[in-house]
Amino acid sequence: MEFTLEEQFQGFLATSEIFAENTLFEYPLLRTFIPEVLDNKVLSPPGATVLGKRMEHFFACYLSSFTSEEILLQNQQIIHHKRTLGELDFLLKNSVSEEISHVELIYKFYLFDPATGTSELDHFIGPNKRDSLNRKLERLQKWQFPMLFQEPTRDLLRELHIAPEEVVQKMCFKAAVFLPKQFEKISFQKIHPAAVAGFWIHASDFNATTYANNKFFCPRKKYWPVLPTRKISWNSFDEIVNIITPLLNKQYAPLLWMKTPEGDLERFFVVWW
C-alpha cells in the first residue's frame, strides 16, 4: 500500500526528538513543530527509497516552507584525495538572524532492551541489533561534528565565504522508541517520554492465544514513520503470520500496526532474536 506525501510528512514531523534537552554534549537541539496548516504544494516526492534519505528530503521541505532557514548545502560530500570522508547533512543560513548553522539530522527506530548494556543509553538498540544509540552518539561527537573543521571542509566553506568558527553546530535527532511489552511504563532520565511510540515482542510471543482477535498491517520500511490509520486493508492474525515469517527467517524485525476489537491502534515490532 502507498501512502500520500502528506501522511509521510506528518509522520516525520510527529516523531518526537529523542532528547528533552541535550545534556550529553554541547551541540544545541533543533526542534521541529507541526504547522497548523499544511499546503501540499510545499511537498515533493522523495527520490530515494532508503528511509534516512527520505526523512532528509522531508526535513528539507520543512525547513524551506516553515522556517526562516535557507539551505546553503544539503548532503554535501566531503572528499579528500578522491576519498569520501563523510558528508554535511545541512548547512543553513537564517534569513532573519543571518546565523549559519550545520545541522545533522538523525532519524531512528530504537528498541529499549534491558538485557543490553548497563546504563540507560546502552539499552537502546536497532530492531535488528545492528545499530545502537550509543554508537550513533559516538559517531556524531567524534566524527560528524568535527568534520566541519577538517581542511577539505574549510576549503568548501571558504568558497562560500564562511569561517568554520562562525558556524553553530546543531542536531535534530528524531526517534521512535519501543518498550518491551511487559513494560507498561518507564521513567527515563535522558530520553524524552514523547519518543515512546509502541512496544516490541519476541516472535515466540506473537501467538494466536494473545493476538488472534486483532487485525494487522505490515508497512514497508520506507513508510515506518507514517502514523497508523484505519483506512487500510487489514490482515487477520494467520495472514500476518504468513507475511512476517519470511522476514523473521531472514533476521529482519518487521514493524506492525494492530487494530484491537475496540478499534484502538498500536504499533509494535516483532523481533527474531
C-alpha atoms as a PDB file:
ATOM      1  CA  MET A   1       0.000   0.000   0.000  1.00  0.00           C
ATOM      2  CA  GLU A   2       1.175   3.512  -0.840  1.00  0.00           C
ATOM      3  CA  PHE A   3       0.761   6.496   1.485  1.00  0.00           C
ATOM      4  CA  THR A   4       0.332  10.128   0.492  1.00  0.00           C
ATOM      5  CA  LEU A   5       3.134  12.665   0.775  1.00  0.00           C
ATOM      6  CA  GLU A   6       1.115  14.456   3.437  1.00  0.00           C
ATOM      7  CA  GLU A   7       0.847  11.279   5.543  1.00  0.00           C
ATOM      8  CA  GLN A   8       4.587  10.682   5.215  1.00  0.00           C
ATOM      9  CA  PHE A   9       5.450  14.302   6.025  1.00  0.00           C
ATOM     10  CA  GLN A  10       3.152  14.362   9.039  1.00  0.00           C
ATOM     11  CA  GLY A  11       4.667  11.111  10.275  1.00  0.00           C
ATOM     12  CA  PHE A  12       8.136  12.658  10.070  1.00  0.00           C
ATOM     13  CA  LEU A  13       7.087  15.795  11.972  1.00  0.00           C
ATOM     14  CA  ALA A  14       5.098  13.837  14.559  1.00  0.00           C
ATOM     15  CA  THR A  15       8.142  11.760  15.506  1.00  0.00           C
ATOM     16  CA  SER A  16       9.495  13.224  18.734  1.00  0.00           C
ATOM     17  CA  GLU A  17      13.030  14.410  19.321  1.00  0.00           C
ATOM     18  CA  ILE A  18      14.706  11.673  21.347  1.00  0.00           C
ATOM     19  CA  PHE A  19      16.056  14.073  23.989  1.00  0.00           C
ATOM     20  CA  ALA A  20      14.023  16.532  26.035  1.00  0.00           C
ATOM     21  CA  GLU A  21      17.225  18.570  26.327  1.00  0.00           C
ATOM     22  CA  ASN A  22      20.795  17.979  25.311  1.00  0.00           C
ATOM     23  CA  THR A  23      22.795  17.094  28.395  1.00  0.00           C
ATOM     24  CA  LEU A  24      25.237  14.841  26.539  1.00  0.00           C
ATOM     25  CA  PHE A  25      27.418  17.339  24.680  1.00  0.00           C
ATOM     26  CA  GLU A  26      27.476  20.994  23.746  1.00  0.00           C
ATOM     27  CA  TYR A  27      25.546  20.998  20.487  1.00  0.00           C
ATOM     28  CA  PRO A  28      22.101  22.636  20.701  1.00  0.00           C
ATOM     29  CA  LEU A  29      18.999  20.798  19.550  1.00  0.00           C
ATOM     30  CA  LEU A  30      16.979  21.884  16.544  1.00  0.00           C
ATOM     31  CA  ARG A  31      13.335  21.061  17.158  1.00  0.00           C
ATOM     32  CA  THR A  32      10.561  20.898  14.583  1.00  0.00           C
ATOM     33  CA  PHE A  33       6.918  21.871  15.012  1.00  0.00           C
ATOM     34  CA  ILE A  34       3.775  20.700  13.246  1.00  0.00           C
ATOM     35  CA  PRO A  35       2.293  23.513  11.088  1.00  0.00           C
ATOM     36  CA  GLU A  36      -1.332  24.387  11.749  1.00  0.00           C
ATOM     37  CA  VAL A  37      -1.986  24.483   8.022  1.00  0.00           C
ATOM     38  CA  LEU A  38      -0.185  22.236   5.571  1.00  0.00           C
ATOM     39  CA  ASP A  39      -0.146  23.269   1.942  1.00  0.00           C
ATOM     40  CA  ASN A  40       0.513  20.152  -0.123  1.00  0.00           C
ATOM     41  CA  LYS A  41       2.219  22.326  -2.716  1.00  0.00           C
ATOM     42  CA  VAL A  42       5.276  22.548  -0.456  1.00  0.00           C
ATOM     43  CA  LEU A  43       5.798  18.777  -0.673  1.00  0.00           C
ATOM     44  CA  SER A  44       7.603  16.967  -3.426  1.00  0.00           C
ATOM     45  CA  PRO A  45       8.131  13.202  -3.674  1.00  0.00           C
ATOM     46  CA  PRO A  46      11.447  11.915  -2.341  1.00  0.00           C
ATOM     47  CA  GLY A  47      13.543  10.212  -4.974  1.00  0.00           C
ATOM     48  CA  ALA A  48      15.209   7.824  -2.531  1.00  0.00           C
ATOM     49  CA  THR A  49      13.769   4.611  -1.146  1.00  0.00           C
ATOM     50  CA  VAL A  50      16.151   4.471   1.828  1.00  0.00           C
ATOM     51  CA  LEU A  51      14.324   5.638   4.964  1.00  0.00           C
ATOM     52  CA  GLY A  52      17.032   8.037   6.180  1.00  0.00           C
ATOM     53  CA  LYS A  53      17.301   9.809   2.826  1.00  0.00           C
ATOM     54  CA  ARG A  54      13.519  10.149   2.634  1.00  0.00           C
ATOM     55  CA  MET A  55      13.487  11.825   6.044  1.00  0.00           C
ATOM     56  CA  GLU A  56      16.215  14.227   4.921  1.00  0.00           C
ATOM     57  CA  HIS A  57      14.003  15.150   1.976  1.00  0.00           C
ATOM     58  CA  PHE A  58      11.017  15.895   4.212  1.00  0.00           C
ATOM     59  CA  PHE A  59      13.254  17.824   6.611  1.00  0.00           C
ATOM     60  CA  ALA A  60      14.367  19.981   3.680  1.00  0.00           C
ATOM     61  CA  CYS A  61      10.707  20.578   2.744  1.00  0.00           C
ATOM     62  CA  TYR A  62      10.034  21.610   6.328  1.00  0.00           C
ATOM     63  CA  LEU A  63      12.994  23.983   6.522  1.00  0.00           C
ATOM     64  CA  SER A  64      12.221  25.655   3.209  1.00  0.00           C
ATOM     65  CA  SER A  65       8.497  26.129   3.823  1.00  0.00           C
ATOM     66  CA  PHE A  66       8.024  26.630   7.555  1.00  0.00           C
ATOM     67  CA  THR A  67      11.205  28.232   8.895  1.00  0.00           C
ATOM     68  CA  SER A  68      13.470  31.189   8.170  1.00  0.00           C
ATOM     69  CA  GLU A  69      16.298  28.874   7.177  1.00  0.00           C
ATOM     70  CA  GLU A  70      17.840  28.919   3.724  1.00  0.00           C
ATOM     71  CA  ILE A  71      19.536  25.683   2.700  1.00  0.00           C
ATOM     72  CA  LEU A  72      23.042  26.505   1.503  1.00  0.00           C
ATOM     73  CA  LEU A  73      24.206  22.895   1.244  1.00  0.00           C
ATOM     74  CA  GLN A  74      22.464  19.547   1.631  1.00  0.00           C
ATOM     75  CA  ASN A  75      24.086  16.108   1.793  1.00  0.00           C
ATOM     76  CA  GLN A  76      27.371  17.682   0.809  1.00  0.00           C
ATOM     77  CA  GLN A  77      30.064  15.042   0.486  1.00  0.00           C
ATOM     78  CA  ILE A  78      33.495  15.917   1.853  1.00  0.00           C
ATOM     79  CA  ILE A  79      36.166  14.427  -0.387  1.00  0.00           C
ATOM     80  CA  HIS A  80      39.915  14.407   0.150  1.00  0.00           C
ATOM     81  CA  HIS A  81      42.338  12.872  -2.360  1.00  0.00           C
ATOM     82  CA  LYS A  82      39.429  11.072  -4.076  1.00  0.00           C
ATOM     83  CA  ARG A  83      38.333   9.531  -0.772  1.00  0.00           C
ATOM     84  CA  THR A  84      34.963  10.423   0.740  1.00  0.00           C
ATOM     85  CA  LEU A  85      35.465  11.391   4.370  1.00  0.00           C
ATOM     86  CA  GLY A  86      31.768  11.869   5.079  1.00  0.00           C
ATOM     87  CA  GLU A  87      29.115  14.466   4.429  1.00  0.00           C
ATOM     88  CA  LEU A  88      27.438  17.500   5.938  1.00  0.00           C
ATOM     89  CA  ASP A  89      23.703  16.902   6.210  1.00  0.00           C
ATOM     90  CA  PHE A  90      22.614  20.563   6.090  1.00  0.00           C
ATOM     91  CA  LEU A  91      24.344  23.936   6.044  1.00  0.00           C
ATOM     92  CA  LEU A  92      21.775  26.650   6.755  1.00  0.00           C
ATOM     93  CA  LYS A  93      21.563  30.424   6.864  1.00  0.00           C
ATOM     94  CA  ASN A  94      18.815  32.090   8.848  1.00  0.00           C
ATOM     95  CA  SER A  95      17.304  34.916   6.799  1.00  0.00           C
ATOM     96  CA  VAL A  96      16.432  36.884   9.960  1.00  0.00           C
ATOM     97  CA  SER A  97      19.440  36.453  12.244  1.00  0.00           C
ATOM     98  CA  GLU A  98      21.886  35.530   9.451  1.00  0.00           C
ATOM     99  CA  GLU A  99      23.201  32.755  11.685  1.00  0.00           C
ATOM    100  CA  ILE A 100      24.996  29.998   9.807  1.00  0.00           C
ATOM    101  CA  SER A 101      24.406  26.513  11.170  1.00  0.00           C
ATOM    102  CA  HIS A 102      25.477  22.998  10.380  1.00  0.00           C
ATOM    103  CA  VAL A 103      22.660  20.599  11.246  1.00  0.00           C
ATOM    104  CA  GLU A 104      22.945  16.837  11.471  1.00  0.00           C
ATOM    105  CA  LEU A 105      19.574  15.129  11.021  1.00  0.00           C
ATOM    106  CA  ILE A 106      19.172  11.743  12.654  1.00  0.00           C
ATOM    107  CA  TYR A 107      16.019   9.670  12.305  1.00  0.00           C
ATOM    108  CA  LYS A 108      15.962   6.314  14.088  1.00  0.00           C
ATOM    109  CA  PHE A 109      13.824   3.493  15.433  1.00  0.00           C
ATOM    110  CA  TYR A 110      15.130   2.082  18.708  1.00  0.00           C
ATOM    111  CA  LEU A 111      14.050  -0.733  20.988  1.00  0.00           C
ATOM    112  CA  PHE A 112      14.641  -0.437  24.718  1.00  0.00           C
ATOM    113  CA  ASP A 113      16.286  -3.743  25.655  1.00  0.00           C
ATOM    114  CA  PRO A 114      17.104  -4.057  29.388  1.00  0.00           C
ATOM    115  CA  ALA A 115      19.327  -7.061  28.619  1.00  0.00           C
ATOM    116  CA  THR A 116      21.705  -4.958  26.515  1.00  0.00           C
ATOM    117  CA  GLY A 117      24.345  -2.958  28.391  1.00  0.00           C
ATOM    118  CA  THR A 118      24.151  -1.477  31.862  1.00  0.00           C
ATOM    119  CA  SER A 119      23.244   2.208  31.509  1.00  0.00           C
ATOM    120  CA  GLU A 120      20.084   3.833  30.160  1.00  0.00           C
ATOM    121  CA  LEU A 121      21.655   4.801  26.841  1.00  0.00           C
ATOM    122  CA  ASP A 122      23.182   1.324  26.438  1.00  0.00           C
ATOM    123  CA  HIS A 123      19.705  -0.197  26.306  1.00  0.00           C
ATOM    124  CA  PHE A 124      18.633   1.474  23.047  1.00  0.00           C
ATOM    125  CA  ILE A 125      19.337  -0.713  20.031  1.00  0.00           C
ATOM    126  CA  GLY A 126      18.068  -1.050  16.475  1.00  0.00           C
ATOM    127  CA  PRO A 127      15.318  -3.613  15.803  1.00  0.00           C
ATOM    128  CA  ASN A 128      17.857  -5.997  14.256  1.00  0.00           C
ATOM    129  CA  LYS A 129      20.644  -5.324  16.778  1.00  0.00           C
ATOM    130  CA  ARG A 130      22.801  -3.787  14.040  1.00  0.00           C
ATOM    131  CA  ASP A 131      22.580  -0.272  15.431  1.00  0.00           C
ATOM    132  CA  SER A 132      22.590   1.449  18.794  1.00  0.00           C
ATOM    133  CA  LEU A 133      22.018   4.895  20.249  1.00  0.00           C
ATOM    134  CA  ASN A 134      25.447   4.971  21.883  1.00  0.00           C
ATOM    135  CA  ARG A 135      27.159   4.100  18.619  1.00  0.00           C
ATOM    136  CA  LYS A 136      25.346   6.917  16.839  1.00  0.00           C
ATOM    137  CA  LEU A 137      26.142   9.457  19.536  1.00  0.00           C
ATOM    138  CA  GLU A 138      29.797   8.457  19.485  1.00  0.00           C
ATOM    139  CA  ARG A 139      29.957   8.895  15.706  1.00  0.00           C
ATOM    140  CA  LEU A 140      28.306  12.307  15.951  1.00  0.00           C
ATOM    141  CA  GLN A 141      30.719  13.529  18.595  1.00  0.00           C
ATOM    142  CA  LYS A 142      33.935  12.008  17.277  1.00  0.00           C
ATOM    143  CA  TRP A 143      33.403  12.231  13.535  1.00  0.00           C
ATOM    144  CA  GLN A 144      30.401  14.030  12.072  1.00  0.00           C
ATOM    145  CA  PHE A 145      30.615  17.314  14.017  1.00  0.00           C
ATOM    146  CA  PRO A 146      34.436  17.594  13.983  1.00  0.00           C
ATOM    147  CA  MET A 147      34.342  17.168  10.197  1.00  0.00           C
ATOM    148  CA  LEU A 148      33.411  20.850   9.955  1.00  0.00           C
ATOM    149  CA  PHE A 149      36.980  21.755  10.899  1.00  0.00           C
ATOM    150  CA  GLN A 150      38.806  19.388   8.582  1.00  0.00           C
ATOM    151  CA  GLU A 151      40.766  21.068   5.810  1.00  0.00           C
ATOM    152  CA  PRO A 152      38.618  19.814   2.899  1.00  0.00           C
ATOM    153  CA  THR A 153      35.534  21.222   4.645  1.00  0.00           C
ATOM    154  CA  ARG A 154      37.333  24.510   5.300  1.00  0.00           C
ATOM    155  CA  ASP A 155      38.095  24.747   1.590  1.00  0.00           C
ATOM    156  CA  LEU A 156      34.417  24.218   0.784  1.00  0.00           C
ATOM    157  CA  LEU A 157      33.269  26.835   3.298  1.00  0.00           C
ATOM    158  CA  ARG A 158      35.894  29.273   2.088  1.00  0.00           C
ATOM    159  CA  GLU A 159      34.217  29.216  -1.340  1.00  0.00           C
ATOM    160  CA  LEU A 160      31.013  30.327   0.423  1.00  0.00           C
ATOM    161  CA  HIS A 161      32.912  32.989   2.410  1.00  0.00           C
ATOM    162  CA  ILE A 162      32.132  31.194   5.670  1.00  0.00           C
ATOM    163  CA  ALA A 163      34.581  30.574   8.511  1.00  0.00           C
ATOM    164  CA  PRO A 164      34.042  27.271  10.359  1.00  0.00           C
ATOM    165  CA  GLU A 165      34.435  29.066  13.690  1.00  0.00           C
ATOM    166  CA  GLU A 166      31.335  31.145  12.872  1.00  0.00           C
ATOM    167  CA  VAL A 167      29.125  28.103  12.250  1.00  0.00           C
ATOM    168  CA  VAL A 168      26.786  26.913  15.003  1.00  0.00           C
ATOM    169  CA  GLN A 169      26.520  23.116  15.023  1.00  0.00           C
ATOM    170  CA  LYS A 170      23.156  21.578  15.889  1.00  0.00           C
ATOM    171  CA  MET A 171      21.419  18.243  15.732  1.00  0.00           C
ATOM    172  CA  CYS A 172      17.834  17.304  15.021  1.00  0.00           C
ATOM    173  CA  PHE A 173      17.610  13.805  16.487  1.00  0.00           C
ATOM    174  CA  LYS A 174      14.202  12.247  15.950  1.00  0.00           C
ATOM    175  CA  ALA A 175      13.495   8.722  17.129  1.00  0.00           C
ATOM    176  CA  ALA A 176      10.597   6.370  17.759  1.00  0.00           C
ATOM    177  CA  VAL A 177      11.257   4.277  20.876  1.00  0.00           C
ATOM    178  CA  PHE A 178       9.611   0.920  21.544  1.00  0.00           C
ATOM    179  CA  LEU A 179       9.443  -0.640  25.008  1.00  0.00           C
ATOM    180  CA  PRO A 180       9.242  -4.339  25.926  1.00  0.00           C
ATOM    181  CA  LYS A 181       5.590  -5.432  26.019  1.00  0.00           C
ATOM    182  CA  GLN A 182       5.781  -6.163  29.769  1.00  0.00           C
ATOM    183  CA  PHE A 183       6.885  -2.588  30.498  1.00  0.00           C
ATOM    184  CA  GLU A 184       3.681  -0.611  30.890  1.00  0.00           C
ATOM    185  CA  LYS A 185       5.591   2.495  31.921  1.00  0.00           C
ATOM    186  CA  ILE A 186       9.170   3.515  32.471  1.00  0.00           C
ATOM    187  CA  SER A 187      10.760   6.730  33.684  1.00  0.00           C
ATOM    188  CA  PHE A 188      13.764   7.806  31.624  1.00  0.00           C
ATOM    189  CA  GLN A 189      16.471  10.185  32.815  1.00  0.00           C
ATOM    190  CA  LYS A 190      17.660  11.360  29.388  1.00  0.00           C
ATOM    191  CA  ILE A 191      15.089  10.161  26.841  1.00  0.00           C
ATOM    192  CA  HIS A 192      12.065  12.308  26.008  1.00  0.00           C
ATOM    193  CA  PRO A 193       8.893  10.457  27.155  1.00  0.00           C
ATOM    194  CA  ALA A 194       7.144  11.584  23.952  1.00  0.00           C
ATOM    195  CA  ALA A 195       9.567   9.442  21.942  1.00  0.00           C
ATOM    196  CA  VAL A 196       7.848   6.252  23.126  1.00  0.00           C
ATOM    197  CA  ALA A 197       5.832   5.047  20.139  1.00  0.00           C
ATOM    198  CA  GLY A 198       4.866   1.448  20.955  1.00  0.00           C
ATOM    199  CA  PHE A 199       6.157  -1.885  22.201  1.00  0.00           C
ATOM    200  CA  TRP A 200       8.154  -4.890  20.999  1.00  0.00           C
ATOM    201  CA  ILE A 201       7.879  -8.651  21.490  1.00  0.00           C
ATOM    202  CA  HIS A 202       9.824 -11.763  20.583  1.00  0.00           C
ATOM    203  CA  ALA A 203       8.497 -13.837  17.690  1.00  0.00           C
ATOM    204  CA  SER A 204       7.743 -16.693  20.110  1.00  0.00           C
ATOM    205  CA  ASP A 205       5.329 -14.404  21.969  1.00  0.00           C
ATOM    206  CA  PHE A 206       3.359 -13.482  18.858  1.00  0.00           C
ATOM    207  CA  ASN A 207       0.756 -16.225  19.214  1.00  0.00           C
ATOM    208  CA  ALA A 208      -2.907 -16.791  18.467  1.00  0.00           C
ATOM    209  CA  THR A 209      -3.813 -17.078  22.136  1.00  0.00           C
ATOM    210  CA  THR A 210      -2.929 -13.427  22.727  1.00  0.00           C
ATOM    211  CA  TYR A 211      -3.405 -11.794  19.319  1.00  0.00           C
ATOM    212  CA  ALA A 212      -5.951 -13.778  17.256  1.00  0.00           C
ATOM    213  CA  ASN A 213      -8.784 -11.278  17.777  1.00  0.00           C
ATOM    214  CA  ASN A 214      -6.823  -8.337  16.381  1.00  0.00           C
ATOM    215  CA  LYS A 215      -6.218  -7.104  12.834  1.00  0.00           C
ATOM    216  CA  PHE A 216      -2.758  -6.273  11.472  1.00  0.00           C
ATOM    217  CA  PHE A 217      -0.854  -4.395   8.797  1.00  0.00           C
ATOM    218  CA  CYS A 218       2.858  -4.550   7.950  1.00  0.00           C
ATOM    219  CA  PRO A 219       4.072  -1.290   6.345  1.00  0.00           C
ATOM    220  CA  ARG A 220       7.181  -1.281   4.199  1.00  0.00           C
ATOM    221  CA  LYS A 221      10.207   0.209   5.947  1.00  0.00           C
ATOM    222  CA  LYS A 222      10.104   3.445   3.955  1.00  0.00           C
ATOM    223  CA  TYR A 223       6.642   4.023   5.461  1.00  0.00           C
ATOM    224  CA  TRP A 224       7.543   3.226   9.079  1.00  0.00           C
ATOM    225  CA  PRO A 225       7.223   6.909  10.125  1.00  0.00           C
ATOM    226  CA  VAL A 226       3.587   7.061   8.934  1.00  0.00           C
ATOM    227  CA  LEU A 227       1.096   7.152  11.800  1.00  0.00           C
ATOM    228  CA  PRO A 228      -1.381   4.242  11.902  1.00  0.00           C
ATOM    229  CA  THR A 229      -4.661   4.850  10.117  1.00  0.00           C
ATOM    230  CA  ARG A 230      -7.841   2.805   9.801  1.00  0.00           C
ATOM    231  CA  LYS A 231      -8.026   3.478   6.049  1.00  0.00           C
ATOM    232  CA  ILE A 232      -6.117   0.372   5.013  1.00  0.00           C
ATOM    233  CA  SER A 233      -6.801  -3.280   4.215  1.00  0.00           C
ATOM    234  CA  TRP A 234      -6.225  -5.164   7.446  1.00  0.00           C
ATOM    235  CA  ASN A 235      -4.887  -8.716   7.750  1.00  0.00           C
ATOM    236  CA  SER A 236      -6.035 -11.428  10.105  1.00  0.00           C
ATOM    237  CA  PHE A 237      -3.596 -12.989  12.554  1.00  0.00           C
ATOM    238  CA  ASP A 238      -3.000 -16.016  10.303  1.00  0.00           C
ATOM    239  CA  GLU A 239      -2.460 -13.767   7.285  1.00  0.00           C
ATOM    240  CA  ILE A 240       0.055 -11.546   9.027  1.00  0.00           C
ATOM    241  CA  VAL A 241       1.979 -14.571  10.314  1.00  0.00           C
ATOM    242  CA  ASN A 242       2.395 -15.729   6.711  1.00  0.00           C
ATOM    243  CA  ILE A 243       3.595 -12.235   5.754  1.00  0.00           C
ATOM    244  CA  ILE A 244       6.172 -11.760   8.508  1.00  0.00           C
ATOM    245  CA  THR A 245       7.553 -15.301   8.858  1.00  0.00           C
ATOM    246  CA  PRO A 246       9.856 -14.975   5.795  1.00  0.00           C
ATOM    247  CA  LEU A 247      11.136 -11.659   7.202  1.00  0.00           C
ATOM    248  CA  LEU A 248      11.860 -13.158  10.609  1.00  0.00           C
ATOM    249  CA  ASN A 249      13.625 -16.107   8.966  1.00  0.00           C
ATOM    250  CA  LYS A 250      15.945 -13.599   7.282  1.00  0.00           C
ATOM    251  CA  GLN A 251      16.632 -11.963  10.673  1.00  0.00           C
ATOM    252  CA  TYR A 252      14.600  -8.879   9.830  1.00  0.00           C
ATOM    253  CA  ALA A 253      12.288  -7.479  12.512  1.00  0.00           C
ATOM    254  CA  PRO A 254       9.029  -6.173  10.996  1.00  0.00           C
ATOM    255  CA  LEU A 255       7.042  -3.242  12.307  1.00  0.00           C
ATOM    256  CA  LEU A 256       3.326  -3.988  12.627  1.00  0.00           C
ATOM    257  CA  TRP A 257       0.211  -1.919  13.095  1.00  0.00           C
ATOM    258  CA  MET A 258      -2.503  -3.530  15.174  1.00  0.00           C
ATOM    259  CA  LYS A 259      -6.203  -2.715  15.446  1.00  0.00           C
ATOM    260  CA  THR A 260      -7.893  -4.143  18.522  1.00  0.00           C
ATOM    261  CA  PRO A 261     -11.553  -5.247  18.627  1.00  0.00           C
ATOM    262  CA  GLU A 262     -12.242  -1.947  20.435  1.00  0.00           C
ATOM    263  CA  GLY A 263     -10.773  -0.012  17.499  1.00  0.00           C
ATOM    264  CA  ASP A 264      -7.558   1.088  19.217  1.00  0.00           C
ATOM    265  CA  LEU A 265      -4.465   1.384  17.020  1.00  0.00           C
ATOM    266  CA  GLU A 266      -0.994   0.356  18.178  1.00  0.00           C
ATOM    267  CA  ARG A 267       2.493  -0.032  16.695  1.00  0.00           C
ATOM    268  CA  PHE A 268       4.949  -2.752  17.653  1.00  0.00           C
ATOM    269  CA  PHE A 269       7.982  -4.705  16.469  1.00  0.00           C
ATOM    270  CA  VAL A 270       8.253  -8.484  16.351  1.00  0.00           C
ATOM    271  CA  VAL A 271      11.910  -9.416  16.744  1.00  0.00           C
ATOM    272  CA  TRP A 272      13.657 -12.582  15.608  1.00  0.00           C
ATOM    273  CA  TRP A 273      16.339 -12.642  18.289  1.00  0.00           C
END
